[in-house]
């Protein structure tokens, strides 16, 4: 019998670890948090106060004067007060004014910050005169200044944006934002907090610390969400999280009885995503930590200069059906070990050489459906192949799709894969039909329902690792930013979910138990974006990162916690 005491479920470290943050997407998302004018957030002539927070710069190419937090309106109205802002050079500044009409304090308070890394920042006033206003970065003093009194006005307080006009939006993720008015929390170098911040005496603000609610605030203030700031489990890497301990055998060997998953449930919502560049003649691979986003990093290379590929995988391996190795279509399958950053290794062959054979998988089997031959107008396939992911070898015939199909995509649960019948060579043959296969049996394909729109082809798909939902996004007819979702366990038509940040085709996608991310695609001038949605909600995607340098499209994508995996 599993031991389900509360302390075992939570984990001693898990109770106290920093457990939430808020993602702000910059000018594209216009996301922010606002608090109506309150004297609590006016620093005025207070000689002891502390502003602290964890911050991560999400992307490069930042703008000057983007607001991390602050109170005030504009110089013309005579209501400037104080602000923390990020500059294009990737450092933070603190600004304040004594008269409200112009900044008379404007100082850099951090070194240049690396994109995608968390930093603890504290700004502390401790008395009056010289060397009484100091900034600390990761517990070490960075700057020291002469303090001054600060103008008090009647304007709102903003986090992630300039609340007066919803402008100067910052592309950052913030966690544990705390303002203490009347106490200098830090007066010398210190070890940054290793647990979530709490309300201590004189705390007037504590927020951005809940992974479910962006408006949560611990002192009773009302926070208004503007745009679409996203509550996340992306957290500073501090503290000890012991995870969940299940004592004893947790499996029940009888039908119809749920058993608890083994393993460390602190991995929920995390995962490494790997993507290949599907442009013919390329071998590049990049990866991203899904919980934190940011700029993707180099992973290694495919063994072959391949393109027009598709992928699937388990929690440890990603399989890539190469698709096209100049000058012809190929049957080559490679595999990657997701936990490493290494090159592709030969795995085996498809039953028929073809490009764009979509991939779906559970923990055991990967299934490849359809594809095109050397000349897209000449040959299309309805073949379905499968591989046993853990062992290398050639694919085996699985059955057939109901019709010739190419450039669709599929989503997976632990028992079934659902794929979109896409394009068969005729410009009038854009399709919205969904079919499904059962991984454990061969020769099966059954009608599932229809997408909301005939996306034609070059869509991407992914699903939640708890097997509940599958998402289809983008495509060409002639171009789409639409996201649809299906409920994996039951057949039926798709439902509108929301929109990608920009219309695209030939993108790649994967997911974990919380988030779906959509990578790259053919978007003239904007090929490098990474979008994210929270799978169990509906709504438009937010920008979550960027590919590094080269724009990827028509490639393979998988993760170590994708849909259908335990």
Protein backbone atom coordinates (compact mmCIF):
# COMPACT_ATOMS: atom_id res chain seq x y z
CA UNK A 1 0.00 0.00 0.00
CA UNK A 2 1.35 3.44 -0.89
CA UNK A 3 2.02 5.75 2.02
CA UNK A 4 -0.02 8.86 1.21
CA UNK A 5 0.67 11.02 4.26
CA UNK A 6 0.63 14.71 3.40
CA UNK A 7 4.33 15.16 4.08
CA UNK A 8 5.16 12.35 1.69
CA UNK A 9 2.97 13.83 -1.02
CA UNK A 10 4.39 17.29 -0.69
CA UNK A 11 7.99 16.72 0.21
CA UNK A 12 9.63 18.75 2.93
CA UNK A 13 11.51 20.90 0.49
CA UNK A 14 8.52 21.16 -1.81
CA UNK A 15 6.51 22.95 0.85
CA UNK A 16 8.99 25.79 1.10
CA UNK A 17 10.61 26.02 -2.33
CA UNK A 18 9.90 29.03 -4.51
CA UNK A 19 6.79 27.87 -6.31
CA UNK A 20 5.56 30.38 -8.84
CA UNK A 21 6.34 33.21 -11.23
CA UNK A 22 4.69 35.42 -13.85
CA UNK A 23 5.73 35.60 -17.49
CA UNK A 24 5.42 39.00 -19.20
CA UNK A 25 5.86 38.88 -22.97
CA UNK A 26 7.00 42.40 -23.76
CA UNK A 27 5.53 44.79 -26.31
CA UNK A 28 4.01 42.03 -28.44
CA UNK A 29 1.86 40.77 -25.58
CA UNK A 30 1.17 44.06 -23.76
CA UNK A 31 0.95 42.02 -20.57
CA UNK A 32 1.17 43.57 -17.12
CA UNK A 33 -0.22 43.73 -13.59
CA UNK A 34 -1.71 46.91 -12.13
CA UNK A 35 -2.58 48.11 -8.62
CA UNK A 36 -4.66 51.24 -8.08
CA UNK A 37 -3.02 54.23 -6.38
CA UNK A 38 -2.18 53.46 -2.76
CA UNK A 39 -0.01 55.24 -0.21
CA UNK A 40 1.45 51.84 0.73
CA UNK A 41 3.58 51.89 -2.43
CA UNK A 42 4.70 55.51 -2.05
CA UNK A 43 8.24 55.49 -0.64
CA UNK A 44 8.29 59.23 0.07
CA UNK A 45 10.62 60.23 2.89
CA UNK A 46 10.93 56.72 4.34
CA UNK A 47 14.56 56.13 5.28
CA UNK A 48 14.31 52.35 5.44
CA UNK A 49 12.78 50.27 2.67
CA UNK A 50 13.48 47.21 0.53
CA UNK A 51 12.43 46.23 -2.98
CA UNK A 52 13.36 42.68 -3.96
CA UNK A 53 12.43 40.17 -6.64
CA UNK A 54 13.71 37.36 -8.83
CA UNK A 55 14.01 38.29 -12.50
CA UNK A 56 14.84 36.52 -15.74
CA UNK A 57 15.22 38.31 -19.08
CA UNK A 58 13.31 36.14 -21.53
CA UNK A 59 14.80 37.19 -24.85
CA UNK A 60 17.43 39.30 -26.53
CA UNK A 61 16.81 42.58 -28.41
CA UNK A 62 15.26 44.30 -25.38
CA UNK A 63 14.27 47.95 -25.44
CA UNK A 64 15.38 50.82 -23.22
CA UNK A 65 13.11 51.87 -20.34
CA UNK A 66 10.93 48.74 -20.24
CA UNK A 67 9.23 48.65 -16.85
CA UNK A 68 9.94 45.92 -14.31
CA UNK A 69 7.81 47.73 -11.74
CA UNK A 70 7.04 51.28 -10.67
CA UNK A 71 4.58 53.98 -9.70
CA UNK A 72 3.82 57.18 -11.56
CA UNK A 73 2.53 58.54 -14.84
CA UNK A 74 4.48 60.92 -17.06
CA UNK A 75 6.73 63.94 -16.82
CA UNK A 76 4.11 66.25 -18.30
CA UNK A 77 1.61 65.53 -15.53
CA UNK A 78 4.17 65.98 -12.78
CA UNK A 79 3.57 62.54 -11.32
CA UNK A 80 6.84 60.60 -11.69
CA UNK A 81 7.64 58.64 -8.52
CA UNK A 82 9.93 55.58 -8.73
CA UNK A 83 10.61 52.81 -11.23
CA UNK A 84 12.80 49.76 -11.78
CA UNK A 85 13.41 49.34 -15.52
CA UNK A 86 15.40 47.17 -17.91
CA UNK A 87 17.63 48.62 -20.63
CA UNK A 88 18.53 47.35 -24.09
CA UNK A 89 22.04 46.57 -22.82
CA UNK A 90 20.42 43.94 -20.51
CA UNK A 91 20.95 45.66 -17.16
CA UNK A 92 18.47 47.16 -14.69
CA UNK A 93 18.22 50.76 -13.53
CA UNK A 94 16.45 52.48 -10.63
CA UNK A 95 14.84 55.87 -11.23
CA UNK A 96 13.24 58.29 -8.80
CA UNK A 97 12.35 61.94 -8.54
CA UNK A 98 12.07 64.41 -5.66
CA UNK A 99 9.70 66.80 -7.45
CA UNK A 100 7.76 64.51 -9.78
CA UNK A 101 8.63 66.34 -12.98
CA UNK A 102 11.99 64.89 -14.02
CA UNK A 103 14.23 62.03 -12.98
CA UNK A 104 16.95 63.30 -10.67
CA UNK A 105 18.09 59.79 -9.74
CA UNK A 106 18.88 57.38 -12.60
CA UNK A 107 21.43 54.71 -11.75
CA UNK A 108 22.41 51.26 -13.00
CA UNK A 109 21.75 48.72 -10.26
CA UNK A 110 22.85 45.43 -11.85
CA UNK A 111 25.60 44.19 -14.14
CA UNK A 112 24.66 42.99 -17.62
CA UNK A 113 22.31 40.04 -17.09
CA UNK A 114 22.43 36.88 -19.19
CA UNK A 115 19.32 36.06 -21.17
CA UNK A 116 17.43 33.10 -19.71
CA UNK A 117 19.12 33.11 -16.27
CA UNK A 118 17.47 33.92 -12.95
CA UNK A 119 18.86 36.69 -10.68
CA UNK A 120 17.80 37.83 -7.23
CA UNK A 121 17.83 41.63 -7.08
CA UNK A 122 17.40 43.76 -3.95
CA UNK A 123 17.33 47.56 -3.73
CA UNK A 124 17.67 48.77 -0.15
CA UNK A 125 17.59 52.18 1.51
CA UNK A 126 19.12 52.17 4.98
CA UNK A 127 19.22 55.69 6.42
CA UNK A 128 20.00 59.08 4.89
CA UNK A 129 23.00 60.49 3.08
CA UNK A 130 25.81 58.86 1.11
CA UNK A 131 26.11 55.09 0.69
CA UNK A 132 22.65 54.48 2.09
CA UNK A 133 20.96 53.31 -1.10
CA UNK A 134 22.47 50.04 -2.27
CA UNK A 135 21.66 47.32 -4.75
CA UNK A 136 22.46 43.64 -4.36
CA UNK A 137 22.51 41.01 -7.11
CA UNK A 138 22.43 37.39 -5.97
CA UNK A 139 23.27 38.62 -2.49
CA UNK A 140 26.39 40.59 -3.45
CA UNK A 141 26.48 44.38 -3.34
CA UNK A 142 26.63 45.85 -6.82
CA UNK A 143 26.13 49.62 -6.34
CA UNK A 144 26.05 52.26 -3.62
CA UNK A 145 24.48 55.74 -3.87
CA UNK A 146 23.34 58.75 -1.91
CA UNK A 147 19.68 58.29 -1.04
CA UNK A 148 16.98 60.91 -1.52
CA UNK A 149 13.33 61.38 -0.73
CA UNK A 150 10.86 60.36 -3.44
CA UNK A 151 7.86 62.26 -4.74
CA UNK A 152 4.40 60.89 -3.86
CA UNK A 153 1.61 61.08 -6.45
CA UNK A 154 -1.80 59.70 -7.33
CA UNK A 155 -1.05 57.23 -10.10
CA UNK A 156 -1.24 53.43 -10.32
CA UNK A 157 1.51 50.93 -9.69
CA UNK A 158 2.53 48.59 -12.49
CA UNK A 159 4.47 45.34 -12.73
CA UNK A 160 5.75 44.29 -16.13
CA UNK A 161 4.43 47.47 -17.74
CA UNK A 162 3.90 51.22 -17.36
CA UNK A 163 0.48 51.06 -15.71
CA UNK A 164 -0.55 54.62 -16.60
CA UNK A 165 -0.77 53.84 -20.33
CA UNK A 166 -0.01 50.08 -20.54
CA UNK A 167 3.24 50.78 -22.33
CA UNK A 168 6.96 50.09 -21.95
CA UNK A 169 6.11 46.41 -21.41
CA UNK A 170 9.05 44.29 -20.30
CA UNK A 171 9.91 40.87 -21.71
CA UNK A 172 10.79 39.26 -18.38
CA UNK A 173 9.65 36.60 -15.94
CA UNK A 174 9.33 37.73 -12.30
CA UNK A 175 9.02 35.73 -9.10
CA UNK A 176 8.43 36.72 -5.47
CA UNK A 177 8.14 40.49 -5.85
CA UNK A 178 8.23 41.99 -2.36
CA UNK A 179 8.24 45.60 -1.16
CA UNK A 180 8.92 46.26 2.53
CA UNK A 181 8.35 49.85 3.67
CA UNK A 182 9.99 50.71 6.99
CA UNK A 183 12.61 47.94 7.13
CA UNK A 184 16.01 47.54 5.52
CA UNK A 185 15.88 43.77 5.06
CA UNK A 186 19.49 43.54 3.88
CA UNK A 187 22.33 45.77 5.08
CA UNK A 188 25.35 43.72 3.92
CA UNK A 189 26.12 40.85 1.56
CA UNK A 190 23.75 37.92 2.11
CA UNK A 191 22.78 34.50 0.81
CA UNK A 192 19.80 34.92 -1.55
CA UNK A 193 16.52 33.44 -0.30
CA UNK A 194 16.28 29.68 -0.65
CA UNK A 195 12.53 29.49 -0.11
CA UNK A 196 9.50 31.49 -1.14
CA UNK A 197 9.25 34.93 0.43
CA UNK A 198 6.73 35.56 3.18
CA UNK A 199 4.96 38.56 4.64
CA UNK A 200 7.34 39.97 7.23
CA UNK A 201 6.68 43.10 9.36
CA UNK A 202 6.16 46.20 7.17
CA UNK A 203 5.55 44.21 3.96
CA UNK A 204 3.30 46.27 1.66
CA UNK A 205 3.46 44.04 -1.44
CA UNK A 206 4.16 40.36 -2.09
CA UNK A 207 3.09 38.86 -5.41
CA UNK A 208 4.17 36.91 -8.52
CA UNK A 209 4.57 33.80 -6.40
CA UNK A 210 1.62 31.62 -7.40
CA UNK A 211 1.86 29.17 -10.31
CA UNK A 212 -1.92 29.24 -10.83
CA UNK A 213 -2.99 32.87 -10.30
CA UNK A 214 -1.18 35.97 -11.57
CA UNK A 215 -3.34 38.22 -9.37
CA UNK A 216 -2.47 36.54 -6.06
CA UNK A 217 -1.16 39.10 -3.54
CA UNK A 218 -0.30 38.29 0.08
CA UNK A 219 -1.12 41.59 1.83
CA UNK A 220 -4.70 41.90 0.57
CA UNK A 221 -4.23 44.28 -2.36
CA UNK A 222 -6.27 43.89 -5.52
CA UNK A 223 -4.16 43.20 -8.60
CA UNK A 224 -5.62 43.65 -12.07
CA UNK A 225 -4.30 41.60 -14.95
CA UNK A 226 -3.76 43.50 -18.20
CA UNK A 227 -3.19 41.68 -21.48
CA UNK A 228 -2.16 38.10 -20.81
CA UNK A 229 0.51 37.71 -18.14
CA UNK A 230 0.97 33.98 -17.53
CA UNK A 231 1.32 32.30 -14.15
CA UNK A 232 4.03 29.66 -14.48
CA UNK A 233 6.00 27.04 -12.56
CA UNK A 234 9.18 28.50 -14.00
CA UNK A 235 11.12 29.15 -10.83
CA UNK A 236 14.55 30.28 -9.69
CA UNK A 237 16.78 27.23 -9.13
CA UNK A 238 16.98 27.56 -5.36
CA UNK A 239 16.01 25.62 -2.29
CA UNK A 240 15.54 21.90 -1.89
CA UNK A 241 12.61 20.13 -3.46
CA UNK A 242 12.56 16.56 -2.30
CA UNK A 243 9.74 15.73 -4.64
CA UNK A 244 7.10 13.14 -3.83
CA UNK A 245 7.89 9.98 -1.98
CA UNK A 246 5.60 6.98 -2.44
CA UNK A 247 6.52 4.22 -0.04
CA UNK A 248 5.92 0.63 -1.04
CA UNK A 249 4.45 -0.86 -4.20
CA UNK A 250 2.11 1.67 -5.78
CA UNK A 251 0.74 -0.48 -8.62
CA UNK A 252 -2.56 -2.33 -8.39
CA UNK A 253 -2.73 -5.35 -10.70
CA UNK A 254 -6.40 -5.30 -11.58
CA UNK A 255 -8.41 -3.84 -14.41
CA UNK A 256 -10.13 -0.51 -14.05
CA UNK A 257 -8.11 0.58 -11.05
CA UNK A 258 -5.94 3.68 -11.21
CA UNK A 259 -2.38 3.37 -9.94
CA UNK A 260 -0.15 6.18 -8.85
CA UNK A 261 2.72 7.11 -11.18
CA UNK A 262 6.17 6.23 -9.98
CA UNK A 263 8.92 8.81 -10.16
CA UNK A 264 9.40 12.34 -8.97
CA UNK A 265 6.28 14.41 -9.60
CA UNK A 266 8.32 17.60 -9.23
CA UNK A 267 9.04 17.05 -12.93
CA UNK A 268 5.44 17.92 -13.73
CA UNK A 269 5.41 20.80 -16.17
CA UNK A 270 9.07 20.51 -17.03
CA UNK A 271 10.94 18.90 -19.85
CA UNK A 272 13.53 19.29 -22.57
CA UNK A 273 12.31 19.95 -26.10
CA UNK A 274 14.52 19.06 -29.07
CA UNK A 275 13.86 20.34 -32.60
CA UNK A 276 15.56 19.70 -35.93
CA UNK A 277 15.81 22.04 -38.88
CA UNK A 278 13.81 20.49 -41.69
CA UNK A 279 15.26 22.64 -44.46
CA UNK A 280 16.79 20.20 -46.96
CA UNK A 281 20.54 19.83 -46.55
CA UNK A 282 20.68 20.82 -42.89
CA UNK A 283 21.71 18.79 -39.83
CA UNK A 284 21.29 21.29 -36.97
CA UNK A 285 19.48 20.46 -33.72
CA UNK A 286 18.52 22.86 -30.92
CA UNK A 287 16.92 22.37 -27.51
CA UNK A 288 14.92 24.36 -24.96
CA UNK A 289 13.82 23.79 -21.37
CA UNK A 290 10.05 24.10 -21.72
CA UNK A 291 9.43 25.42 -18.22
CA UNK A 292 11.71 28.41 -18.67
CA UNK A 293 11.65 29.28 -22.37
CA UNK A 294 14.24 31.69 -23.71
CA UNK A 295 16.76 31.36 -26.49
CA UNK A 296 17.19 27.80 -27.78
CA UNK A 297 20.65 26.25 -27.54
CA UNK A 298 22.66 24.02 -29.84
CA UNK A 299 22.10 20.30 -29.23
CA UNK A 300 24.24 18.60 -31.89
CA UNK A 301 23.65 17.44 -35.45
CA UNK A 302 21.73 14.77 -37.27
CA UNK A 303 23.94 12.11 -38.83
CA UNK A 304 22.56 12.99 -42.26
CA UNK A 305 22.07 16.33 -44.00
CA UNK A 306 18.34 15.67 -44.06
CA UNK A 307 15.18 17.69 -44.44
CA UNK A 308 11.40 17.48 -44.59
CA UNK A 309 11.58 15.26 -41.50
CA UNK A 310 9.18 14.33 -38.72
CA UNK A 311 9.70 13.01 -35.20
CA UNK A 312 8.30 11.07 -32.27
CA UNK A 313 9.80 9.59 -29.12
CA UNK A 314 9.72 8.31 -25.57
CA UNK A 315 10.90 9.94 -22.36
CA UNK A 316 14.48 9.02 -23.22
CA UNK A 317 14.71 8.85 -27.03
CA UNK A 318 13.65 10.99 -29.95
CA UNK A 319 13.28 9.33 -33.35
CA UNK A 320 13.66 11.36 -36.55
CA UNK A 321 12.48 10.09 -39.95
CA UNK A 322 14.92 12.00 -42.14
CA UNK A 323 12.59 12.39 -45.12
CA UNK A 324 14.89 13.88 -47.71
CA UNK A 325 18.62 13.45 -48.26
CA UNK A 326 19.56 15.11 -51.54
CA UNK A 327 18.77 14.18 -54.23
CA UNK A 328 16.03 11.77 -53.16
CA UNK A 329 13.51 10.82 -50.49
CA UNK A 330 14.95 8.48 -47.90
CA UNK A 331 13.82 5.76 -45.51
CA UNK A 332 16.46 6.57 -42.86
CA UNK A 333 15.46 6.82 -39.19
CA UNK A 334 17.87 8.30 -36.63
CA UNK A 335 17.63 8.48 -32.86
CA UNK A 336 18.77 11.01 -30.26
CA UNK A 337 19.26 10.52 -26.52
CA UNK A 338 17.26 13.43 -25.14
CA UNK A 339 19.21 13.86 -21.89
CA UNK A 340 22.49 14.44 -23.72
CA UNK A 341 23.58 16.98 -26.30
CA UNK A 342 24.98 14.72 -28.98
CA UNK A 343 24.62 13.79 -32.62
CA UNK A 344 22.04 11.53 -34.21
CA UNK A 345 22.71 7.78 -34.53
CA UNK A 346 21.38 5.41 -37.19
CA UNK A 347 18.30 3.59 -35.93
CA UNK A 348 16.82 1.72 -38.92
CA UNK A 349 14.60 2.28 -41.96
CA UNK A 350 10.99 3.00 -42.82
CA UNK A 351 9.22 0.39 -44.96
CA UNK A 352 8.98 2.91 -47.83
CA UNK A 353 11.27 5.89 -48.54
CA UNK A 354 9.20 9.04 -48.17
CA UNK A 355 9.21 12.59 -46.86
CA UNK A 356 6.96 14.21 -44.25
CA UNK A 357 5.69 10.97 -42.72
CA UNK A 358 4.04 12.30 -39.55
CA UNK A 359 5.04 10.72 -36.25
CA UNK A 360 3.08 9.76 -33.12
CA UNK A 361 4.14 7.70 -30.11
CA UNK A 362 3.44 6.43 -26.64
CA UNK A 363 6.15 5.14 -24.32
CA UNK A 364 6.62 1.97 -26.35
CA UNK A 365 5.78 2.46 -30.03
CA UNK A 366 6.33 5.14 -32.61
CA UNK A 367 4.02 5.16 -35.62
CA UNK A 368 4.67 6.89 -38.96
CA UNK A 369 1.75 7.81 -41.24
CA UNK A 370 1.63 8.88 -44.90
CA UNK A 371 4.21 11.01 -46.68
CA UNK A 372 5.29 12.10 -50.14
CA UNK A 373 7.72 10.73 -52.69
CA UNK A 374 10.49 12.45 -54.62
CA UNK A 375 8.07 14.59 -56.59
CA UNK A 376 5.22 15.88 -54.41
CA UNK A 377 2.80 16.01 -57.33
CA UNK A 378 3.58 12.44 -58.35
CA UNK A 379 3.46 10.21 -55.28
CA UNK A 380 1.61 10.24 -51.98
CA UNK A 381 1.35 7.46 -49.44
CA UNK A 382 -1.15 6.03 -47.00
CA UNK A 383 1.36 3.62 -45.40
CA UNK A 384 1.55 3.32 -41.62
CA UNK A 385 4.76 1.91 -40.09
CA UNK A 386 5.77 1.36 -36.49
CA UNK A 387 8.95 0.99 -34.46
CA UNK A 388 9.58 -0.23 -30.93
CA UNK A 389 11.32 2.89 -29.65
CA UNK A 390 13.65 1.27 -27.10
CA UNK A 391 15.28 -1.06 -29.63
CA UNK A 392 16.86 -0.05 -32.93
CA UNK A 393 15.68 -1.73 -36.12
CA UNK A 394 13.63 -1.32 -39.24
CA UNK A 395 9.99 -0.27 -39.13
CA UNK A 396 7.18 -2.82 -39.48
CA UNK A 397 3.94 -2.40 -41.41
CA UNK A 398 1.16 -1.14 -39.15
CA UNK A 399 -1.73 -0.72 -41.60
CA UNK A 400 -3.02 2.05 -43.84
CA UNK A 401 -4.61 5.45 -43.48
CA UNK A 402 -7.96 5.82 -45.23
CA UNK A 403 -6.45 7.90 -48.02
CA UNK A 404 -3.19 9.24 -49.40
CA UNK A 405 -1.90 11.95 -47.11
CA UNK A 406 1.11 14.15 -46.43
CA UNK A 407 2.25 17.06 -44.27
CA UNK A 408 -0.40 16.60 -41.62
CA UNK A 409 0.50 15.98 -38.01
CA UNK A 410 -0.53 13.86 -35.07
CA UNK A 411 -1.07 13.92 -31.32
CA UNK A 412 -0.76 11.05 -28.85
CA UNK A 413 -2.11 9.64 -25.64
CA UNK A 414 -0.84 6.54 -23.86
CA UNK A 415 -3.23 4.38 -25.89
CA UNK A 416 -4.02 6.15 -29.17
CA UNK A 417 -2.64 8.47 -31.79
CA UNK A 418 -4.86 10.95 -33.61
CA UNK A 419 -3.71 12.40 -36.92
CA UNK A 420 -5.00 14.93 -39.42
CA UNK A 421 -5.53 13.79 -43.00
CA UNK A 422 -3.95 16.71 -44.80
CA UNK A 423 -2.88 17.09 -48.42
CA UNK A 424 -2.84 14.56 -51.28
CA UNK A 425 -1.50 16.61 -54.15
CA UNK A 426 -4.55 18.57 -55.22
CA UNK A 427 -4.90 22.22 -54.27
CA UNK A 428 -8.61 21.58 -53.82
CA UNK A 429 -7.95 18.73 -51.40
CA UNK A 430 -7.41 20.68 -48.19
CA UNK A 431 -8.81 18.45 -45.51
CA UNK A 432 -10.09 18.65 -41.95
CA UNK A 433 -10.55 14.90 -41.29
CA UNK A 434 -9.12 13.33 -38.13
CA UNK A 435 -8.43 9.60 -37.78
CA UNK A 436 -6.99 7.57 -34.90
CA UNK A 437 -4.98 4.44 -34.38
CA UNK A 438 -4.60 2.30 -31.26
CA UNK A 439 -0.90 1.84 -30.52
CA UNK A 440 -1.21 -1.68 -29.15
CA UNK A 441 -2.87 -3.09 -32.29
CA UNK A 442 -1.92 -2.98 -35.96
CA UNK A 443 -4.17 -2.48 -38.95
CA UNK A 444 -6.53 -0.14 -37.11
CA UNK A 445 -7.56 3.34 -38.13
CA UNK A 446 -10.91 4.82 -37.25
CA UNK A 447 -12.58 8.14 -37.93
CA UNK A 448 -12.20 10.49 -34.98
CA UNK A 449 -13.93 13.68 -36.14
CA UNK A 450 -13.04 16.92 -37.91
CA UNK A 451 -10.86 19.95 -37.29
CA UNK A 452 -12.66 23.30 -37.17
CA UNK A 453 -10.97 24.37 -40.38
CA UNK A 454 -9.55 22.61 -43.41
CA UNK A 455 -5.96 23.59 -42.65
CA UNK A 456 -4.67 21.89 -45.79
CA UNK A 457 -1.19 20.92 -44.74
CA UNK A 458 1.96 21.85 -42.82
CA UNK A 459 0.18 22.07 -39.46
CA UNK A 460 1.81 20.99 -36.19
CA UNK A 461 0.40 19.01 -33.29
CA UNK A 462 1.17 18.08 -29.70
CA UNK A 463 -0.58 16.80 -26.61
CA UNK A 464 -0.44 16.87 -22.84
CA UNK A 465 1.52 14.14 -21.10
CA UNK A 466 -1.51 13.35 -18.94
CA UNK A 467 -3.16 12.19 -22.20
CA UNK A 468 -6.20 14.44 -21.91
CA UNK A 469 -5.90 16.94 -24.78
CA UNK A 470 -4.33 17.18 -28.20
CA UNK A 471 -3.70 20.47 -30.02
CA UNK A 472 -3.37 21.18 -33.75
CA UNK A 473 -1.99 24.56 -34.81
CA UNK A 474 -1.08 26.59 -37.86
CA UNK A 475 -1.10 25.19 -41.38
CA UNK A 476 -1.69 26.38 -44.89
CA UNK A 477 -5.00 27.26 -46.54
CA UNK A 478 -3.44 29.63 -47.41
CA UNK A 479 -2.13 30.39 -43.91
CA UNK A 480 -3.38 29.90 -40.36
CA UNK A 481 -2.76 31.04 -36.82
CA UNK A 482 -5.65 28.94 -35.51
CA UNK A 483 -5.21 26.44 -32.66
CA UNK A 484 -7.81 23.65 -32.28
CA UNK A 485 -8.03 21.09 -29.49
CA UNK A 486 -9.53 17.64 -29.08
CA UNK A 487 -10.25 15.48 -26.05
CA UNK A 488 -8.09 12.42 -26.62
CA UNK A 489 -10.23 9.83 -24.84
CA UNK A 490 -13.42 10.49 -26.82
CA UNK A 491 -14.07 10.90 -30.51
CA UNK A 492 -15.62 14.11 -31.84
CA UNK A 493 -14.88 17.33 -33.62
CA UNK A 494 -12.18 19.74 -32.53
CA UNK A 495 -12.92 22.92 -30.58
CA UNK A 496 -11.37 26.34 -31.07
CA UNK A 497 -8.58 26.98 -28.55
CA UNK A 498 -7.17 30.36 -29.63
CA UNK A 499 -4.49 31.72 -31.95
CA UNK A 500 -0.74 31.54 -32.39
CA UNK A 501 1.09 34.86 -32.03
CA UNK A 502 1.48 34.93 -35.81
CA UNK A 503 0.15 32.80 -38.68
CA UNK A 504 2.60 30.12 -39.76
CA UNK A 505 2.97 26.82 -41.53
CA UNK A 506 5.53 24.00 -41.30
CA UNK A 507 6.08 24.58 -37.58
CA UNK A 508 6.99 22.02 -34.94
CA UNK A 509 5.35 21.35 -31.57
CA UNK A 510 5.60 19.34 -28.36
CA UNK A 511 4.28 19.53 -24.79
CA UNK A 512 4.38 18.40 -21.19
CA UNK A 513 1.64 18.01 -18.57
CA UNK A 514 1.01 21.76 -18.46
CA UNK A 515 2.24 23.58 -21.54
CA UNK A 516 2.32 23.16 -25.30
CA UNK A 517 5.02 24.96 -27.24
CA UNK A 518 5.07 25.71 -30.96
CA UNK A 519 8.50 26.19 -32.51
CA UNK A 520 9.48 28.07 -35.65
CA UNK A 521 7.74 27.44 -38.92
CA UNK A 522 7.60 29.31 -42.16
CA UNK A 523 6.66 32.86 -41.22
CA UNK A 524 8.18 35.36 -43.66
CA UNK A 525 10.51 37.53 -41.61
CA UNK A 526 9.60 35.93 -38.26
CA UNK A 527 10.77 32.33 -38.59
CA UNK A 528 12.43 32.05 -35.19
CA UNK A 529 9.61 32.38 -32.68
CA UNK A 530 8.59 29.93 -29.95
CA UNK A 531 4.99 30.23 -28.69
CA UNK A 532 3.39 28.70 -25.60
CA UNK A 533 -0.13 27.92 -24.37
CA UNK A 534 -1.38 26.31 -21.17
CA UNK A 535 -3.02 23.13 -22.44
CA UNK A 536 -5.93 22.84 -20.01
CA UNK A 537 -7.13 26.38 -20.69
CA UNK A 538 -8.13 28.14 -23.88
CA UNK A 539 -6.72 31.40 -25.19
CA UNK A 540 -4.12 32.89 -27.46
CA UNK A 541 -0.49 31.83 -27.35
CA UNK A 542 2.25 33.99 -25.82
CA UNK A 543 5.79 34.33 -27.05
CA UNK A 544 8.03 31.99 -25.03
CA UNK A 545 11.39 32.20 -26.74
CA UNK A 546 13.31 32.12 -29.98
CA UNK A 547 15.41 29.80 -32.04
CA UNK A 548 19.08 30.69 -31.98
CA UNK A 549 20.12 32.19 -35.29
CA UNK A 550 18.84 29.93 -38.05
CA UNK A 551 15.11 29.77 -38.68
CA UNK A 552 13.75 26.20 -38.47
CA UNK A 553 10.77 24.78 -40.32
CA UNK A 554 9.59 21.40 -41.70
CA UNK A 555 11.51 19.61 -38.94
CA UNK A 556 11.06 17.09 -36.15
CA UNK A 557 10.21 17.93 -32.54
CA UNK A 558 9.81 15.91 -29.35
CA UNK A 559 10.43 16.12 -25.62
CA UNK A 560 11.13 13.91 -22.64
CA UNK A 561 7.61 14.58 -21.30
CA UNK A 562 5.46 14.76 -24.40
CA UNK A 563 1.88 13.58 -24.79
CA UNK A 564 1.21 9.93 -24.07
CA UNK A 565 4.16 9.45 -21.75
CA UNK A 566 3.81 8.37 -18.15
